[in-house]
Amino acid sequence: MRRKWFSILLTFTLIWLVLTPSLWAGQVITQEVKLWAKKALQQEKTLKTTTAPNTLAVLYFHNQTGWSKLDLLQKGLTLMLITDLSKIKEINILERVKMQALVEELGFGISGLVKAKTFPRVGRLLGAQHLVGGDIVKGKMENFQLKSDLLKVSTERVFGQAMAEGKLLSELFRMEKDLVFKIIKLLKIELLSKERKELEKPLTTSTEALFYFLQGIKHSDWGDFDKAKESHVAALNEDPDFVLAAEAIQEIESLSLEEKKACKSERNRLVRGLKRKLMR
């Protein structure tokens, strides 16, 4: 009975998403995005840093806690911040999929991308004026800290730091919102009361739903769309109001079989390349 009810709810949710506008930029690394990353690298020497105000890229966070469960938050916090910051008209937020495509093309992996020395290069390739990077660190007692640096790409200098502290995972959503508002303040953006209220809304009310969703993003990045969809469905089952999970399902279902095969083939090529590097 529960499964039938959930199937009906999912159908209506997807229909609603088709008929309504969304801030969702997509989370599948398509061939078009991969070609963009290759072209950006080929033209790297001639690229110029954009002068458009508040063009912002949010890099992956670095989990320094030693707690492997939080590894999903390395991409998760980035995605949460992008989702919130994209609601502000004064900020031109860059898509996560472009950053992921660059990660793959550069052969960095998350561990390489979160190193401070790579920030300026990635910023220039993305065409960003500002970069937001960060760390997840263990604080005192049971507390954790989310630390974030804001870097101006043209000068390669950090011009501000934001920090949120609390218990993970019970205070994760509050901590992410604290970080968002501090980043906005550092960018010297004044929010309208309507914008502030919109930003205060949580991505989801369930940490279980969030982690299922992030598992789905992980599978999607690896080209395993069947597992990605399963994870997103599980997220929506935990929180039927989790719009991003429903949109992710819709995106995967809209991919053609040829696109899925091409993504998987490209993923296998990258894996083989990484294996060869490790064997040297």
Protein backbone atom coordinates (compact mmCIF):
# COMPACT_ATOMS: atom_id res chain seq x y z
CA MET A 1 0.00 0.00 0.00
CA ARG A 2 2.80 2.39 0.95
CA ARG A 3 4.67 1.57 -2.27
CA LYS A 4 1.56 2.25 -4.38
CA TRP A 5 0.95 5.55 -2.56
CA PHE A 6 4.56 6.61 -3.10
CA SER A 7 4.40 5.75 -6.82
CA ILE A 8 1.30 7.94 -7.23
CA LEU A 9 2.96 10.78 -5.29
CA LEU A 10 6.12 10.56 -7.40
CA THR A 11 4.10 10.70 -10.62
CA PHE A 12 2.22 13.82 -9.54
CA THR A 13 5.45 15.43 -8.29
CA LEU A 14 7.18 14.91 -11.63
CA ILE A 15 4.17 16.30 -13.52
CA TRP A 16 4.24 19.36 -11.26
CA LEU A 17 7.95 19.86 -11.91
CA VAL A 18 7.43 19.82 -15.67
CA LEU A 19 4.85 22.58 -15.36
CA THR A 20 6.72 24.86 -12.96
CA PRO A 21 9.98 26.85 -13.28
CA SER A 22 13.00 25.73 -11.27
CA LEU A 23 16.46 26.84 -10.18
CA TRP A 24 17.72 23.30 -10.81
CA ALA A 25 20.65 23.46 -13.23
CA GLY A 26 20.98 19.69 -13.58
CA GLN A 27 23.44 17.28 -12.00
CA VAL A 28 24.28 14.94 -14.89
CA ILE A 29 27.69 15.48 -16.48
CA THR A 30 26.55 15.50 -20.11
CA GLN A 31 28.74 15.21 -23.19
CA GLU A 32 28.11 18.90 -23.86
CA VAL A 33 29.55 19.85 -20.46
CA LYS A 34 32.51 17.52 -20.97
CA LEU A 35 33.27 19.14 -24.32
CA TRP A 36 33.12 22.54 -22.63
CA ALA A 37 35.72 21.38 -20.06
CA LYS A 38 38.04 20.07 -22.77
CA LYS A 39 37.75 23.32 -24.72
CA ALA A 40 38.42 25.38 -21.57
CA LEU A 41 41.65 23.47 -20.96
CA GLN A 42 42.72 23.77 -24.60
CA GLN A 43 42.25 27.54 -24.44
CA GLU A 44 43.56 27.94 -20.89
CA LYS A 45 46.48 30.21 -21.82
CA THR A 46 44.23 32.72 -23.57
CA LEU A 47 41.41 32.73 -21.00
CA LYS A 48 40.79 35.96 -19.11
CA THR A 49 39.19 36.25 -15.69
CA THR A 50 35.65 37.56 -16.01
CA THR A 51 34.93 41.07 -14.77
CA ALA A 52 31.23 40.42 -14.24
CA PRO A 53 30.39 41.32 -10.62
CA ASN A 54 29.71 38.50 -8.16
CA THR A 55 30.30 35.64 -10.58
CA LEU A 56 30.77 32.92 -8.01
CA ALA A 57 31.94 29.31 -8.05
CA VAL A 58 31.55 27.09 -4.97
CA LEU A 59 34.28 24.46 -4.79
CA TYR A 60 34.05 21.14 -3.00
CA PHE A 61 34.63 21.12 0.74
CA HIS A 62 37.45 19.15 2.36
CA ASN A 63 36.47 16.66 5.06
CA GLN A 64 39.24 16.85 7.65
CA THR A 65 37.32 15.17 10.48
CA GLY A 66 38.45 11.61 9.87
CA TRP A 67 34.78 10.60 9.86
CA SER A 68 34.21 8.95 6.47
CA LYS A 69 30.43 9.34 6.67
CA LEU A 70 30.93 13.06 6.13
CA ASP A 71 32.71 12.51 2.81
CA LEU A 72 29.38 12.89 1.04
CA LEU A 73 29.19 16.42 2.43
CA GLN A 74 32.27 17.42 0.44
CA LYS A 75 30.01 17.70 -2.60
CA GLY A 76 26.85 17.99 -0.51
CA LEU A 77 27.67 21.31 1.15
CA THR A 78 28.73 22.69 -2.21
CA LEU A 79 25.44 21.68 -3.75
CA MET A 80 23.46 23.10 -0.80
CA LEU A 81 25.28 26.44 -1.01
CA ILE A 82 24.85 26.61 -4.79
CA THR A 83 21.12 25.92 -4.43
CA ASP A 84 20.72 28.73 -1.88
CA LEU A 85 23.03 31.29 -3.50
CA SER A 86 21.40 30.79 -6.91
CA LYS A 87 18.24 32.33 -5.45
CA ILE A 88 19.97 35.73 -5.16
CA LYS A 89 19.69 37.83 -8.31
CA GLU A 90 22.91 39.75 -7.56
CA ILE A 91 24.97 36.55 -7.68
CA ASN A 92 25.79 34.74 -10.91
CA ILE A 93 26.39 31.25 -9.56
CA LEU A 94 28.31 28.74 -11.68
CA GLU A 95 27.03 25.20 -12.16
CA ARG A 96 28.46 22.30 -10.18
CA VAL A 97 28.49 20.08 -13.26
CA LYS A 98 31.04 22.35 -14.95
CA MET A 99 33.32 22.11 -11.95
CA GLN A 100 32.91 18.32 -11.86
CA ALA A 101 33.72 18.10 -15.58
CA LEU A 102 36.90 20.11 -14.97
CA VAL A 103 37.82 17.84 -12.06
CA GLU A 104 37.57 14.85 -14.36
CA GLU A 105 39.41 16.50 -17.25
CA LEU A 106 42.24 17.68 -15.00
CA GLY A 107 42.43 14.29 -13.26
CA PHE A 108 42.28 15.99 -9.86
CA GLY A 109 39.62 14.11 -7.95
CA ILE A 110 38.12 15.80 -4.90
CA SER A 111 41.41 15.60 -3.01
CA GLY A 112 43.15 17.67 -5.68
CA LEU A 113 40.40 20.20 -6.09
CA VAL A 114 40.22 21.10 -2.41
CA LYS A 115 43.91 22.05 -2.29
CA ALA A 116 44.27 25.83 -2.00
CA LYS A 117 46.99 25.99 -4.66
CA THR A 118 44.56 24.74 -7.32
CA PHE A 119 41.87 27.35 -6.54
CA PRO A 120 43.07 30.21 -8.81
CA ARG A 121 43.52 27.94 -11.82
CA VAL A 122 40.08 26.39 -11.40
CA GLY A 123 38.58 29.84 -10.92
CA ARG A 124 40.06 31.10 -14.18
CA LEU A 125 38.92 28.02 -16.09
CA LEU A 126 35.39 28.45 -14.73
CA GLY A 127 35.39 32.16 -15.51
CA ALA A 128 34.65 33.07 -11.90
CA GLN A 129 35.34 36.38 -10.20
CA HIS A 130 35.06 34.85 -6.73
CA LEU A 131 35.63 31.37 -5.35
CA VAL A 132 34.19 29.84 -2.20
CA GLY A 133 36.10 26.89 -0.78
CA GLY A 134 35.88 25.27 2.60
CA ASP A 135 36.72 22.65 5.20
CA ILE A 136 34.75 20.42 7.53
CA VAL A 137 36.74 20.20 10.76
CA LYS A 138 36.30 18.72 14.22
CA GLY A 139 35.76 21.28 16.94
CA LYS A 140 35.56 21.01 20.71
CA MET A 141 33.61 18.18 22.32
CA GLU A 142 30.90 17.01 19.90
CA ASN A 143 30.99 20.16 17.78
CA PHE A 144 32.07 20.49 14.18
CA GLN A 145 32.98 23.56 12.19
CA LEU A 146 32.30 24.50 8.59
CA LYS A 147 34.99 26.94 7.53
CA SER A 148 34.86 28.75 4.22
CA ASP A 149 37.30 31.11 2.48
CA LEU A 150 36.29 33.61 -0.20
CA LEU A 151 38.96 34.20 -2.80
CA LYS A 152 39.18 36.84 -5.52
CA VAL A 153 40.49 35.04 -8.59
CA SER A 154 42.22 38.01 -10.23
CA THR A 155 44.39 38.72 -7.18
CA GLU A 156 44.54 35.12 -5.87
CA ARG A 157 43.89 36.53 -2.39
CA VAL A 158 41.41 35.54 0.30
CA PHE A 159 39.23 38.54 1.13
CA GLY A 160 36.95 36.99 3.73
CA GLN A 161 36.24 33.97 5.90
CA ALA A 162 32.94 32.50 7.04
CA MET A 163 32.45 29.91 9.77
CA ALA A 164 29.56 27.97 11.26
CA GLU A 165 29.71 25.69 14.28
CA GLY A 166 27.41 23.05 15.71
CA LYS A 167 26.69 19.36 16.05
CA LEU A 168 26.77 17.15 12.99
CA LEU A 169 24.50 15.86 11.78
CA SER A 170 21.72 17.21 14.00
CA GLU A 171 22.52 20.88 13.27
CA LEU A 172 23.74 20.52 9.70
CA PHE A 173 20.91 22.46 8.08
CA ARG A 174 21.23 25.37 10.51
CA MET A 175 25.01 25.44 10.04
CA GLU A 176 24.70 25.56 6.25
CA LYS A 177 22.27 28.48 6.51
CA ASP A 178 24.67 30.32 8.85
CA LEU A 179 27.38 29.89 6.24
CA VAL A 180 25.12 31.14 3.44
CA PHE A 181 24.21 34.37 5.22
CA LYS A 182 27.83 35.05 6.20
CA ILE A 183 28.99 34.54 2.60
CA ILE A 184 26.29 36.94 1.39
CA LYS A 185 27.43 39.51 3.96
CA LEU A 186 31.06 39.17 2.82
CA LEU A 187 29.92 39.78 -0.75
CA LYS A 188 28.27 43.00 0.55
CA ILE A 189 24.82 42.07 -0.70
CA GLU A 190 21.76 43.46 1.06
CA LEU A 191 18.88 41.01 1.17
CA LEU A 192 15.22 41.93 0.96
CA SER A 193 13.04 40.42 3.68
CA LYS A 194 11.38 38.25 1.02
CA GLU A 195 14.76 36.90 -0.11
CA ARG A 196 15.83 36.21 3.46
CA LYS A 197 12.67 34.21 4.17
CA GLU A 198 13.18 32.20 1.00
CA LEU A 199 16.77 31.43 1.97
CA GLU A 200 15.72 30.30 5.43
CA LYS A 201 13.73 27.42 3.94
CA PRO A 202 15.65 24.13 4.31
CA LEU A 203 16.59 22.01 1.32
CA THR A 204 14.96 19.12 3.16
CA THR A 205 13.98 18.44 6.75
CA SER A 206 15.52 14.96 6.77
CA THR A 207 19.23 14.15 7.01
CA GLU A 208 18.41 10.63 5.80
CA ALA A 209 16.81 12.08 2.67
CA LEU A 210 19.79 14.38 2.13
CA PHE A 211 22.32 11.56 2.33
CA TYR A 212 20.31 9.33 -0.02
CA PHE A 213 20.22 12.26 -2.43
CA LEU A 214 23.98 12.81 -2.15
CA GLN A 215 24.56 9.12 -2.79
CA GLY A 216 22.54 9.61 -5.94
CA ILE A 217 24.74 12.53 -7.00
CA LYS A 218 27.80 10.36 -6.40
CA HIS A 219 26.40 7.54 -8.57
CA SER A 220 25.36 10.03 -11.26
CA ASP A 221 28.86 11.50 -11.40
CA TRP A 222 30.16 7.99 -11.95
CA GLY A 223 27.68 7.38 -14.75
CA ASP A 224 25.65 4.77 -12.85
CA PHE A 225 22.23 6.26 -13.47
CA ASP A 226 20.24 3.24 -12.31
CA LYS A 227 21.78 3.41 -8.83
CA ALA A 228 21.49 7.20 -8.89
CA LYS A 229 17.76 6.97 -9.53
CA GLU A 230 17.34 4.38 -6.77
CA SER A 231 19.04 6.71 -4.31
CA HIS A 232 16.94 9.69 -5.37
CA VAL A 233 13.75 7.66 -5.04
CA ALA A 234 14.86 6.62 -1.54
CA ALA A 235 15.45 10.30 -0.71
CA LEU A 236 11.98 11.22 -1.91
CA ASN A 237 10.53 8.34 0.08
CA GLU A 238 12.12 9.79 3.23
CA ASP A 239 10.93 13.31 2.40
CA PRO A 240 8.14 13.55 -0.22
CA ASP A 241 8.64 17.35 -0.31
CA PHE A 242 12.30 17.06 -1.34
CA VAL A 243 12.04 18.88 -4.67
CA LEU A 244 15.69 18.44 -5.76
CA ALA A 245 15.40 14.66 -5.45
CA ALA A 246 12.30 14.65 -7.65
CA GLU A 247 14.01 16.90 -10.19
CA ALA A 248 17.04 14.61 -10.24
CA ILE A 249 14.78 11.65 -11.07
CA GLN A 250 13.17 13.64 -13.85
CA GLU A 251 16.57 14.58 -15.27
CA ILE A 252 17.79 10.98 -15.31
CA GLU A 253 14.57 9.75 -16.92
CA SER A 254 14.88 12.41 -19.62
CA LEU A 255 18.32 11.13 -20.69
CA SER A 256 18.35 9.02 -23.83
CA LEU A 257 19.89 5.55 -23.84
CA GLU A 258 22.64 6.85 -26.13
CA GLU A 259 23.50 9.63 -23.67
CA LYS A 260 23.67 7.19 -20.78
CA LYS A 261 25.95 4.85 -22.73
CA ALA A 262 28.19 7.75 -23.78
CA CYS A 263 28.48 8.97 -20.16
CA LYS A 264 29.31 5.46 -18.95
CA SER A 265 31.87 4.94 -21.73
CA GLU A 266 33.58 8.23 -20.88
CA ARG A 267 33.60 7.30 -17.21
CA ASN A 268 35.25 3.95 -17.97
CA ARG A 269 37.88 5.76 -20.05
CA LEU A 270 38.69 8.10 -17.15
CA VAL A 271 38.90 5.19 -14.71
CA ARG A 272 41.35 3.37 -17.00
CA GLY A 273 43.43 6.51 -17.26
CA LEU A 274 43.57 6.91 -13.47
CA LYS A 275 44.57 3.26 -13.06
CA ARG A 276 47.43 3.71 -15.53
CA LYS A 277 48.65 6.75 -13.58
CA LEU A 278 48.60 4.81 -10.32
CA MET A 279 50.56 1.93 -11.85
CA ARG A 280 53.42 4.19 -13.00
